[in-house]
Protein backbone atom coordinates (compact mmCIF):
# COMPACT_ATOMS: atom_id res chain seq x y z
CA UNK A 1 -10.79 -10.48 13.67
CA UNK A 2 -7.59 -8.78 14.57
CA UNK A 3 -6.75 -5.22 14.28
CA UNK A 4 -7.04 -3.52 11.01
CA UNK A 5 -4.41 -0.96 10.35
CA UNK A 6 -3.71 0.52 7.13
CA UNK A 7 -0.76 2.75 5.97
CA UNK A 8 -0.95 4.56 2.77
CA UNK A 9 1.64 6.41 0.69
CA UNK A 10 0.74 8.36 -2.42
CA UNK A 11 2.35 11.51 -3.77
CA UNK A 12 -1.25 12.84 -4.50
CA UNK A 13 -2.57 13.70 -1.04
CA UNK A 14 -6.25 13.66 -2.44
CA UNK A 15 -5.84 9.93 -3.27
CA UNK A 16 -4.54 9.26 0.28
CA UNK A 17 -7.51 10.82 1.78
CA UNK A 18 -9.89 8.94 -0.33
CA UNK A 19 -8.05 5.75 0.65
CA UNK A 20 -8.41 6.87 4.23
CA UNK A 21 -12.01 7.50 4.02
CA UNK A 22 -12.90 4.25 2.41
CA UNK A 23 -10.61 2.33 4.71
CA UNK A 24 -12.08 3.95 7.96
CA UNK A 25 -15.52 3.16 6.62
CA UNK A 26 -14.65 -0.50 6.69
CA UNK A 27 -13.14 -0.49 10.10
CA UNK A 28 -9.43 0.38 9.60
CA UNK A 29 -7.30 2.67 11.69
CA UNK A 30 -5.26 4.62 9.09
CA UNK A 31 -1.96 6.44 8.87
CA UNK A 32 -0.73 8.40 5.90
CA UNK A 33 2.99 8.84 4.88
CA UNK A 34 4.10 11.74 2.69
CA UNK A 35 7.53 10.38 1.95
CA UNK A 36 9.70 7.24 2.06
CA UNK A 37 11.30 8.21 5.48
CA UNK A 38 8.00 8.80 7.04
CA UNK A 39 6.54 5.49 5.42
CA UNK A 40 9.43 3.57 7.20
CA UNK A 41 9.13 5.20 10.42
CA UNK A 42 5.30 4.80 10.37
CA UNK A 43 5.62 1.18 9.23
CA UNK A 44 7.88 0.28 12.18
CA UNK A 45 5.80 2.06 14.83
CA UNK A 46 2.18 1.43 13.56
CA UNK A 47 2.66 -2.12 12.24
CA UNK A 48 0.00 -2.04 9.49
CA UNK A 49 -1.92 -5.09 8.36
CA UNK A 50 -2.34 -3.55 4.92
CA UNK A 51 -0.20 -1.13 2.97
CA UNK A 52 -1.38 0.95 0.01
CA UNK A 53 1.48 2.04 -2.25
CA UNK A 54 1.55 4.38 -5.05
CA UNK A 55 3.71 2.80 -7.75
CA UNK A 56 5.16 6.06 -9.41
CA UNK A 57 6.34 8.63 -6.98
CA UNK A 58 9.32 11.07 -6.98
CA UNK A 59 12.54 9.92 -5.28
CA UNK A 60 11.29 6.44 -3.95
CA UNK A 61 8.69 4.56 -5.72
CA UNK A 62 6.20 1.91 -4.49
CA UNK A 63 8.00 -1.02 -5.78
CA UNK A 64 11.20 -0.01 -3.94
CA UNK A 65 9.07 0.30 -0.79
CA UNK A 66 7.62 -3.07 -1.34
CA UNK A 67 11.13 -4.49 -1.74
CA UNK A 68 12.11 -2.83 1.55
CA UNK A 69 8.98 -4.45 3.19
CA UNK A 70 10.23 -7.90 1.82
CA UNK A 71 13.60 -7.39 3.20
CA UNK A 72 11.97 -6.49 6.59
CA UNK A 73 9.69 -9.58 6.41
CA UNK A 74 6.66 -7.34 6.75
CA UNK A 75 3.36 -9.40 7.21
CA UNK A 76 1.33 -6.62 5.81
CA UNK A 77 -0.71 -7.26 2.52
CA UNK A 78 0.22 -4.73 -0.32
CA UNK A 79 -2.09 -2.94 -2.59
CA UNK A 80 -0.53 -1.07 -5.36
CA UNK A 81 -2.14 2.04 -6.92
CA UNK A 82 -1.13 3.02 -10.29
CA UNK A 83 -2.15 5.32 -13.04
CA UNK A 84 0.38 3.74 -15.36
CA UNK A 85 0.71 0.24 -16.88
CA UNK A 86 0.14 -2.36 -14.18
CA UNK A 87 3.31 -4.16 -15.36
CA UNK A 88 5.26 -1.60 -13.07
CA UNK A 89 4.19 -3.90 -10.24
CA UNK A 90 5.78 -7.07 -11.71
CA UNK A 91 8.91 -6.84 -9.57
CA UNK A 92 6.86 -6.61 -6.38
CA UNK A 93 4.45 -9.47 -7.53
CA UNK A 94 7.61 -11.50 -8.12
CA UNK A 95 8.55 -10.98 -4.40
CA UNK A 96 5.12 -12.11 -3.34
CA UNK A 97 5.29 -15.17 -5.60
CA UNK A 98 8.60 -15.93 -4.00
CA UNK A 99 6.98 -15.82 -0.62
CA UNK A 100 8.69 -12.56 0.41
CA UNK A 101 5.67 -10.48 0.52
CA UNK A 102 2.26 -11.82 1.95
CA UNK A 103 0.04 -10.66 -0.82
CA UNK A 104 0.17 -8.17 -3.70
CA UNK A 105 -2.71 -6.75 -5.69
CA UNK A 106 -2.98 -3.81 -8.08
CA UNK A 107 -5.67 -1.21 -8.53
CA UNK A 108 -5.71 1.12 -11.51
CA UNK A 109 -6.27 4.95 -11.04
CA UNK A 110 -8.76 6.52 -11.10
CA UNK A 111 -9.60 3.93 -8.37
CA UNK A 112 -13.13 2.63 -7.96
CA UNK A 113 -14.24 3.21 -4.48
CA UNK A 114 -15.97 -0.17 -4.60
CA UNK A 115 -12.86 -1.97 -5.83
CA UNK A 116 -10.81 -0.46 -3.13
CA UNK A 117 -13.45 -1.49 -0.51
CA UNK A 118 -13.47 -5.12 -1.75
CA UNK A 119 -9.55 -5.13 -1.74
CA UNK A 120 -9.55 -4.13 1.84
CA UNK A 121 -12.13 -6.59 2.87
């Protein structure tokens, strides 16, 4: 098995810390971004194998970041977190279906630790 690197961005730091704890528990090295600029910088430096994106955030949302990842041809799998209608991820799912993103799945907030663990495996 290759490296397991996870990059997470969520405007609720508590959610990012839960994701970190679960991911580290299954063997991931984790980085947390607090905003879009930091996300891009960490993505380029850290080369994550999985990215967890909050769908609805101020300024730049998770779908926009997924579109950026598709443009950059990121090989990372994408897991969306949303407390809203999962249809918000339809645009990113279309990128995955077109082959521009490796894999896209959606978890609904409040997230189940077990569902997150399964998504990361």
